[in-house]
Amino acid sequence: MGELSEQRWSVLSERGCEAIGLTYADALELMHRLSREKVSGLCVITNDAARRAALTENSPTGQLQPNGTRPKDRKP
């Protein structure tokens, strides 16, 4: 279970990279929470794959918070 307990996992959705640098258990927990919020296209992948996907799709990976999560959308 070595790799599963390392912070090398990311969660992606139709919105882009939801979080990076999670343990696999934390990634599954986030994925289930987002699923309850009706977010589509969820998957758990490695951080390296998430970074490559973000570069390919021009996603705003620079906007991830230090803990690897996306900032909440602010409503005016």
PDB file of N, CA and C in Angstrom:
ATOM      1  N   MET A   1       0.818  -1.206   0.000  1.00  0.00           N
ATOM      2  CA  MET A   1       0.000   0.000   0.000  1.00  0.00           C
ATOM      3  C   MET A   1       0.852   1.255   0.000  1.00  0.00           C
ATOM      4  N   GLY A   2       2.134   1.158  -0.278  1.00  0.00           N
ATOM      5  CA  GLY A   2       3.028   2.303  -0.236  1.00  0.00           C
ATOM      6  C   GLY A   2       2.569   3.485  -1.069  1.00  0.00           C
ATOM      7  N   GLU A   3       2.310   3.241  -2.359  1.00  0.00           N
ATOM      8  CA  GLU A   3       1.916   4.342  -3.235  1.00  0.00           C
ATOM      9  C   GLU A   3       0.564   4.928  -2.861  1.00  0.00           C
ATOM     10  N   LEU A   4      -0.332   4.104  -2.354  1.00  0.00           N
ATOM     11  CA  LEU A   4      -1.664   4.598  -2.015  1.00  0.00           C
ATOM     12  C   LEU A   4      -1.638   5.567  -0.842  1.00  0.00           C
ATOM     13  N   SER A   5      -0.667   5.436   0.033  1.00  0.00           N
ATOM     14  CA  SER A   5      -0.591   6.337   1.190  1.00  0.00           C
ATOM     15  C   SER A   5       0.267   7.564   0.916  1.00  0.00           C
ATOM     16  N   GLU A   6       0.909   7.612  -0.244  1.00  0.00           N
ATOM     17  CA  GLU A   6       1.702   8.785  -0.612  1.00  0.00           C
ATOM     18  C   GLU A   6       0.799   9.870  -1.184  1.00  0.00           C
ATOM     19  N   GLN A   7       1.227  11.119  -1.016  1.00  0.00           N
ATOM     20  CA  GLN A   7       0.448  12.253  -1.535  1.00  0.00           C
ATOM     21  C   GLN A   7       0.804  12.470  -3.002  1.00  0.00           C
ATOM     22  N   ARG A   8       0.404  11.512  -3.827  1.00  0.00           N
ATOM     23  CA  ARG A   8       0.730  11.559  -5.247  1.00  0.00           C
ATOM     24  C   ARG A   8      -0.495  11.461  -6.135  1.00  0.00           C
ATOM     25  N   TRP A   9      -1.691  11.689  -5.578  1.00  0.00           N
ATOM     26  CA  TRP A   9      -2.940  11.495  -6.303  1.00  0.00           C
ATOM     27  C   TRP A   9      -3.688  12.797  -6.487  1.00  0.00           C
ATOM     28  N   SER A  10      -4.405  12.900  -7.590  1.00  0.00           N
ATOM     29  CA  SER A  10      -5.190  14.079  -7.940  1.00  0.00           C
ATOM     30  C   SER A  10      -6.605  13.660  -8.312  1.00  0.00           C
ATOM     31  N   VAL A  11      -7.528  14.613  -8.194  1.00  0.00           N
ATOM     32  CA  VAL A  11      -8.914  14.390  -8.604  1.00  0.00           C
ATOM     33  C   VAL A  11      -9.227  15.361  -9.723  1.00  0.00           C
ATOM     34  N   LEU A  12      -9.703  14.818 -10.836  1.00  0.00           N
ATOM     35  CA  LEU A  12     -10.132  15.636 -11.962  1.00  0.00           C
ATOM     36  C   LEU A  12     -11.625  15.511 -12.145  1.00  0.00           C
ATOM     37  N   SER A  13     -12.221  16.554 -12.708  1.00  0.00           N
ATOM     38  CA  SER A  13     -13.644  16.539 -13.029  1.00  0.00           C
ATOM     39  C   SER A  13     -13.833  17.245 -14.365  1.00  0.00           C
ATOM     40  N   GLU A  14     -15.069  17.390 -14.750  1.00  0.00           N
ATOM     41  CA  GLU A  14     -15.364  18.125 -15.981  1.00  0.00           C
ATOM     42  C   GLU A  14     -14.922  19.585 -15.864  1.00  0.00           C
ATOM     43  N   ARG A  15     -14.764  20.071 -14.630  1.00  0.00           N
ATOM     44  CA  ARG A  15     -14.354  21.456 -14.396  1.00  0.00           C
ATOM     45  C   ARG A  15     -12.846  21.625 -14.445  1.00  0.00           C
ATOM     46  N   GLY A  16     -12.103  20.535 -14.406  1.00  0.00           N
ATOM     47  CA  GLY A  16     -10.650  20.596 -14.396  1.00  0.00           C
ATOM     48  C   GLY A  16     -10.091  19.887 -13.173  1.00  0.00           C
ATOM     49  N   CYS A  17      -8.913  20.294 -12.762  1.00  0.00           N
ATOM     50  CA  CYS A  17      -8.256  19.664 -11.620  1.00  0.00           C
ATOM     51  C   CYS A  17      -8.870  20.184 -10.325  1.00  0.00           C
ATOM     52  N   GLU A  18      -9.477  19.298  -9.578  1.00  0.00           N
ATOM     53  CA  GLU A  18     -10.139  19.674  -8.327  1.00  0.00           C
ATOM     54  C   GLU A  18      -9.153  19.725  -7.171  1.00  0.00           C
ATOM     55  N   ALA A  19      -8.182  18.820  -7.148  1.00  0.00           N
ATOM     56  CA  ALA A  19      -7.190  18.782  -6.073  1.00  0.00           C
ATOM     57  C   ALA A  19      -5.989  17.980  -6.549  1.00  0.00           C
ATOM     58  N   ILE A  20      -4.851  18.291  -5.959  1.00  0.00           N
ATOM     59  CA  ILE A  20      -3.606  17.616  -6.299  1.00  0.00           C
ATOM     60  C   ILE A  20      -2.829  17.389  -5.006  1.00  0.00           C
ATOM     61  N   GLY A  21      -2.038  16.340  -4.972  1.00  0.00           N
ATOM     62  CA  GLY A  21      -1.203  16.074  -3.813  1.00  0.00           C
ATOM     63  C   GLY A  21      -1.946  15.399  -2.667  1.00  0.00           C
ATOM     64  N   LEU A  22      -2.871  14.514  -2.986  1.00  0.00           N
ATOM     65  CA  LEU A  22      -3.663  13.822  -1.972  1.00  0.00           C
ATOM     66  C   LEU A  22      -3.208  12.378  -1.827  1.00  0.00           C
ATOM     67  N   THR A  23      -3.503  11.773  -0.679  1.00  0.00           N
ATOM     68  CA  THR A  23      -3.379  10.324  -0.587  1.00  0.00           C
ATOM     69  C   THR A  23      -4.542   9.746  -1.383  1.00  0.00           C
ATOM     70  N   TYR A  24      -4.463   8.470  -1.710  1.00  0.00           N
ATOM     71  CA  TYR A  24      -5.536   7.858  -2.487  1.00  0.00           C
ATOM     72  C   TYR A  24      -6.853   7.880  -1.706  1.00  0.00           C
ATOM     73  N   ALA A  25      -6.769   7.623  -0.397  1.00  0.00           N
ATOM     74  CA  ALA A  25      -7.986   7.643   0.437  1.00  0.00           C
ATOM     75  C   ALA A  25      -8.612   9.029   0.445  1.00  0.00           C
ATOM     76  N   ASP A  26      -7.779  10.074   0.547  1.00  0.00           N
ATOM     77  CA  ASP A  26      -8.306  11.447   0.519  1.00  0.00           C
ATOM     78  C   ASP A  26      -8.901  11.777  -0.845  1.00  0.00           C
ATOM     79  N   ALA A  27      -8.269  11.283  -1.904  1.00  0.00           N
ATOM     80  CA  ALA A  27      -8.789  11.519  -3.251  1.00  0.00           C
ATOM     81  C   ALA A  27     -10.151  10.854  -3.425  1.00  0.00           C
ATOM     82  N   LEU A  28     -10.299   9.627  -2.924  1.00  0.00           N
ATOM     83  CA  LEU A  28     -11.600   8.956  -3.015  1.00  0.00           C
ATOM     84  C   LEU A  28     -12.661   9.695  -2.209  1.00  0.00           C
ATOM     85  N   GLU A  29     -12.286  10.184  -1.036  1.00  0.00           N
ATOM     86  CA  GLU A  29     -13.232  10.936  -0.207  1.00  0.00           C
ATOM     87  C   GLU A  29     -13.700  12.196  -0.930  1.00  0.00           C
ATOM     88  N   LEU A  30     -12.756  12.931  -1.530  1.00  0.00           N
ATOM     89  CA  LEU A  30     -13.121  14.132  -2.276  1.00  0.00           C
ATOM     90  C   LEU A  30     -13.993  13.765  -3.475  1.00  0.00           C
ATOM     91  N   MET A  31     -13.653  12.700  -4.161  1.00  0.00           N
ATOM     92  CA  MET A  31     -14.432  12.290  -5.319  1.00  0.00           C
ATOM     93  C   MET A  31     -15.873  11.955  -4.924  1.00  0.00           C
ATOM     94  N   HIS A  32     -16.053  11.270  -3.807  1.00  0.00           N
ATOM     95  CA  HIS A  32     -17.406  10.948  -3.346  1.00  0.00           C
ATOM     96  C   HIS A  32     -18.173  12.216  -2.942  1.00  0.00           C
ATOM     97  N   ARG A  33     -17.485  13.155  -2.299  1.00  0.00           N
ATOM     98  CA  ARG A  33     -18.152  14.407  -1.917  1.00  0.00           C
ATOM     99  C   ARG A  33     -18.587  15.185  -3.152  1.00  0.00           C
ATOM    100  N   LEU A  34     -17.704  15.277  -4.145  1.00  0.00           N
ATOM    101  CA  LEU A  34     -18.047  15.988  -5.374  1.00  0.00           C
ATOM    102  C   LEU A  34     -19.169  15.282  -6.131  1.00  0.00           C
ATOM    103  N   SER A  35     -19.177  13.978  -6.070  1.00  0.00           N
ATOM    104  CA  SER A  35     -20.246  13.203  -6.707  1.00  0.00           C
ATOM    105  C   SER A  35     -21.597  13.536  -6.074  1.00  0.00           C
ATOM    106  N   ARG A  36     -21.623  13.680  -4.760  1.00  0.00           N
ATOM    107  CA  ARG A  36     -22.872  14.061  -4.075  1.00  0.00           C
ATOM    108  C   ARG A  36     -23.309  15.468  -4.475  1.00  0.00           C
ATOM    109  N   GLU A  37     -22.339  16.305  -4.866  1.00  0.00           N
ATOM    110  CA  GLU A  37     -22.639  17.665  -5.332  1.00  0.00           C
ATOM    111  C   GLU A  37     -22.981  17.687  -6.826  1.00  0.00           C
ATOM    112  N   LYS A  38     -23.109  16.506  -7.408  1.00  0.00           N
ATOM    113  CA  LYS A  38     -23.486  16.344  -8.822  1.00  0.00           C
ATOM    114  C   LYS A  38     -22.424  16.849  -9.799  1.00  0.00           C
ATOM    115  N   VAL A  39     -21.141  16.807  -9.396  1.00  0.00           N
ATOM    116  CA  VAL A  39     -20.049  17.143 -10.305  1.00  0.00           C
ATOM    117  C   VAL A  39     -19.782  15.911 -11.164  1.00  0.00           C
ATOM    118  N   SER A  40     -19.668  16.109 -12.466  1.00  0.00           N
ATOM    119  CA  SER A  40     -19.493  14.996 -13.406  1.00  0.00           C
ATOM    120  C   SER A  40     -18.035  14.827 -13.816  1.00  0.00           C
ATOM    121  N   GLY A  41     -17.760  13.677 -14.424  1.00  0.00           N
ATOM    122  CA  GLY A  41     -16.447  13.418 -15.001  1.00  0.00           C
ATOM    123  C   GLY A  41     -15.343  13.211 -13.988  1.00  0.00           C
ATOM    124  N   LEU A  42     -15.663  12.640 -12.842  1.00  0.00           N
ATOM    125  CA  LEU A  42     -14.682  12.489 -11.772  1.00  0.00           C
ATOM    126  C   LEU A  42     -13.759  11.294 -11.992  1.00  0.00           C
ATOM    127  N   CYS A  43     -12.482  11.501 -11.687  1.00  0.00           N
ATOM    128  CA  CYS A  43     -11.524  10.400 -11.723  1.00  0.00           C
ATOM    129  C   CYS A  43     -10.338  10.726 -10.830  1.00  0.00           C
ATOM    130  N   VAL A  44      -9.672   9.682 -10.379  1.00  0.00           N
ATOM    131  CA  VAL A  44      -8.458   9.813  -9.574  1.00  0.00           C
ATOM    132  C   VAL A  44      -7.295   9.404 -10.463  1.00  0.00           C
ATOM    133  N   ILE A  45      -6.304  10.287 -10.575  1.00  0.00           N
ATOM    134  CA  ILE A  45      -5.113   9.999 -11.376  1.00  0.00           C
ATOM    135  C   ILE A  45      -3.890  10.480 -10.604  1.00  0.00           C
ATOM    136  N   THR A  46      -2.708  10.158 -11.093  1.00  0.00           N
ATOM    137  CA  THR A  46      -1.490  10.608 -10.421  1.00  0.00           C
ATOM    138  C   THR A  46      -1.295  12.109 -10.630  1.00  0.00           C
ATOM    139  N   ASN A  47      -0.519  12.713  -9.739  1.00  0.00           N
ATOM    140  CA  ASN A  47      -0.215  14.139  -9.868  1.00  0.00           C
ATOM    141  C   ASN A  47       0.466  14.437 -11.203  1.00  0.00           C
ATOM    142  N   ASP A  48       1.382  13.568 -11.621  1.00  0.00           N
ATOM    143  CA  ASP A  48       2.074  13.789 -12.899  1.00  0.00           C
ATOM    144  C   ASP A  48       1.093  13.812 -14.063  1.00  0.00           C
ATOM    145  N   ALA A  49       0.159  12.886 -14.061  1.00  0.00           N
ATOM    146  CA  ALA A  49      -0.847  12.852 -15.139  1.00  0.00           C
ATOM    147  C   ALA A  49      -1.738  14.090 -15.082  1.00  0.00           C
ATOM    148  N   ALA A  50      -2.079  14.539 -13.879  1.00  0.00           N
ATOM    149  CA  ALA A  50      -2.924  15.733 -13.731  1.00  0.00           C
ATOM    150  C   ALA A  50      -2.214  16.962 -14.269  1.00  0.00           C
ATOM    151  N   ARG A  51      -0.926  17.070 -13.995  1.00  0.00           N
ATOM    152  CA  ARG A  51      -0.168  18.225 -14.509  1.00  0.00           C
ATOM    153  C   ARG A  51      -0.109  18.195 -16.032  1.00  0.00           C
ATOM    154  N   ARG A  52       0.091  17.013 -16.598  1.00  0.00           N
ATOM    155  CA  ARG A  52       0.119  16.903 -18.062  1.00  0.00           C
ATOM    156  C   ARG A  52      -1.250  17.228 -18.654  1.00  0.00           C
ATOM    157  N   ALA A  53      -2.301  16.748 -18.036  1.00  0.00           N
ATOM    158  CA  ALA A  53      -3.654  17.041 -18.528  1.00  0.00           C
ATOM    159  C   ALA A  53      -3.936  18.531 -18.458  1.00  0.00           C
ATOM    160  N   ALA A  54      -3.489  19.169 -17.393  1.00  0.00           N
ATOM    161  CA  ALA A  54      -3.727  20.603 -17.236  1.00  0.00           C
ATOM    162  C   ALA A  54      -2.993  21.388 -18.317  1.00  0.00           C
ATOM    163  N   LEU A  55      -1.783  20.986 -18.638  1.00  0.00           N
ATOM    164  CA  LEU A  55      -1.042  21.673 -19.698  1.00  0.00           C
ATOM    165  C   LEU A  55      -1.709  21.474 -21.047  1.00  0.00           C
ATOM    166  N   THR A  56      -2.232  20.291 -21.274  1.00  0.00           N
ATOM    167  CA  THR A  56      -2.889  19.969 -22.534  1.00  0.00           C
ATOM    168  C   THR A  56      -4.173  20.771 -22.705  1.00  0.00           C
ATOM    169  N   GLU A  57      -4.913  20.928 -21.619  1.00  0.00           N
ATOM    170  CA  GLU A  57      -6.206  21.601 -21.692  1.00  0.00           C
ATOM    171  C   GLU A  57      -6.131  23.084 -21.329  1.00  0.00           C
ATOM    172  N   ASN A  58      -4.922  23.589 -21.070  1.00  0.00           N
ATOM    173  CA  ASN A  58      -4.746  24.981 -20.650  1.00  0.00           C
ATOM    174  C   ASN A  58      -5.569  25.310 -19.419  1.00  0.00           C
ATOM    175  N   SER A  59      -5.636  24.370 -18.483  1.00  0.00           N
ATOM    176  CA  SER A  59      -6.354  24.598 -17.235  1.00  0.00           C
ATOM    177  C   SER A  59      -5.537  25.512 -16.336  1.00  0.00           C
ATOM    178  N   PRO A  60      -6.206  26.248 -15.440  1.00  0.00           N
ATOM    179  CA  PRO A  60      -5.496  27.182 -14.560  1.00  0.00           C
ATOM    180  C   PRO A  60      -4.882  26.473 -13.353  1.00  0.00           C
ATOM    181  N   THR A  61      -3.868  25.621 -13.575  1.00  0.00           N
ATOM    182  CA  THR A  61      -3.273  24.896 -12.446  1.00  0.00           C
ATOM    183  C   THR A  61      -2.581  25.846 -11.482  1.00  0.00           C
ATOM    184  N   GLY A  62      -2.180  26.996 -11.964  1.00  0.00           N
ATOM    185  CA  GLY A  62      -1.556  27.959 -11.075  1.00  0.00           C
ATOM    186  C   GLY A  62      -2.523  28.491 -10.027  1.00  0.00           C
ATOM    187  N   GLN A  63      -3.816  28.234 -10.203  1.00  0.00           N
ATOM    188  CA  GLN A  63      -4.804  28.729  -9.256  1.00  0.00           C
ATOM    189  C   GLN A  63      -5.097  27.730  -8.142  1.00  0.00           C
ATOM    190  N   LEU A  64      -4.366  26.617  -8.089  1.00  0.00           N
ATOM    191  CA  LEU A  64      -4.575  25.678  -6.993  1.00  0.00           C
ATOM    192  C   LEU A  64      -4.031  26.279  -5.707  1.00  0.00           C
ATOM    193  N   GLN A  65      -4.719  26.034  -4.618  1.00  0.00           N
ATOM    194  CA  GLN A  65      -4.274  26.499  -3.317  1.00  0.00           C
ATOM    195  C   GLN A  65      -3.108  25.635  -2.856  1.00  0.00           C
ATOM    196  N   PRO A  66      -2.338  26.087  -1.845  1.00  0.00           N
ATOM    197  CA  PRO A  66      -1.189  25.320  -1.379  1.00  0.00           C
ATOM    198  C   PRO A  66      -1.528  23.887  -0.961  1.00  0.00           C
ATOM    199  N   ASN A  67      -2.748  23.642  -0.496  1.00  0.00           N
ATOM    200  CA  ASN A  67      -3.122  22.279  -0.112  1.00  0.00           C
ATOM    201  C   ASN A  67      -3.570  21.456  -1.311  1.00  0.00           C
ATOM    202  N   GLY A  68      -3.495  22.021  -2.523  1.00  0.00           N
ATOM    203  CA  GLY A  68      -3.817  21.284  -3.727  1.00  0.00           C
ATOM    204  C   GLY A  68      -5.256  21.365  -4.174  1.00  0.00           C
ATOM    205  N   THR A  69      -6.101  22.092  -3.443  1.00  0.00           N
ATOM    206  CA  THR A  69      -7.506  22.190  -3.819  1.00  0.00           C
ATOM    207  C   THR A  69      -7.741  23.438  -4.651  1.00  0.00           C
ATOM    208  N   ARG A  70      -8.841  23.409  -5.394  1.00  0.00           N
ATOM    209  CA  ARG A  70      -9.210  24.591  -6.185  1.00  0.00           C
ATOM    210  C   ARG A  70      -9.878  25.605  -5.276  1.00  0.00           C
ATOM    211  N   PRO A  71      -9.651  26.892  -5.527  1.00  0.00           N
ATOM    212  CA  PRO A  71     -10.383  27.896  -4.760  1.00  0.00           C
ATOM    213  C   PRO A  71     -11.874  27.823  -5.064  1.00  0.00           C
ATOM    214  N   LYS A  72     -12.698  28.106  -4.085  1.00  0.00           N
ATOM    215  CA  LYS A  72     -14.154  28.123  -4.289  1.00  0.00           C
ATOM    216  C   LYS A  72     -14.510  29.282  -5.198  1.00  0.00           C
ATOM    217  N   ASP A  73     -15.483  29.055  -6.070  1.00  0.00           N
ATOM    218  CA  ASP A  73     -15.976  30.130  -6.914  1.00  0.00           C
ATOM    219  C   ASP A  73     -16.682  31.143  -6.034  1.00  0.00           C
ATOM    220  N   ARG A  74     -16.292  32.397  -6.195  1.00  0.00           N
ATOM    221  CA  ARG A  74     -16.904  33.446  -5.399  1.00  0.00           C
ATOM    222  C   ARG A  74     -18.039  34.084  -6.167  1.00  0.00           C
ATOM    223  N   LYS A  75     -19.151  34.258  -5.506  1.00  0.00           N
ATOM    224  CA  LYS A  75     -20.292  34.894  -6.143  1.00  0.00           C
ATOM    225  C   LYS A  75     -20.348  36.344  -5.673  1.00  0.00           C
ATOM    226  N   PRO A  76     -20.608  37.262  -6.578  1.00  0.00           N
ATOM    227  CA  PRO A  76     -20.661  38.693  -6.201  1.00  0.00           C
ATOM    228  C   PRO A  76     -21.834  39.013  -5.304  1.00  0.00           C
TER     229      PRO A  76
END
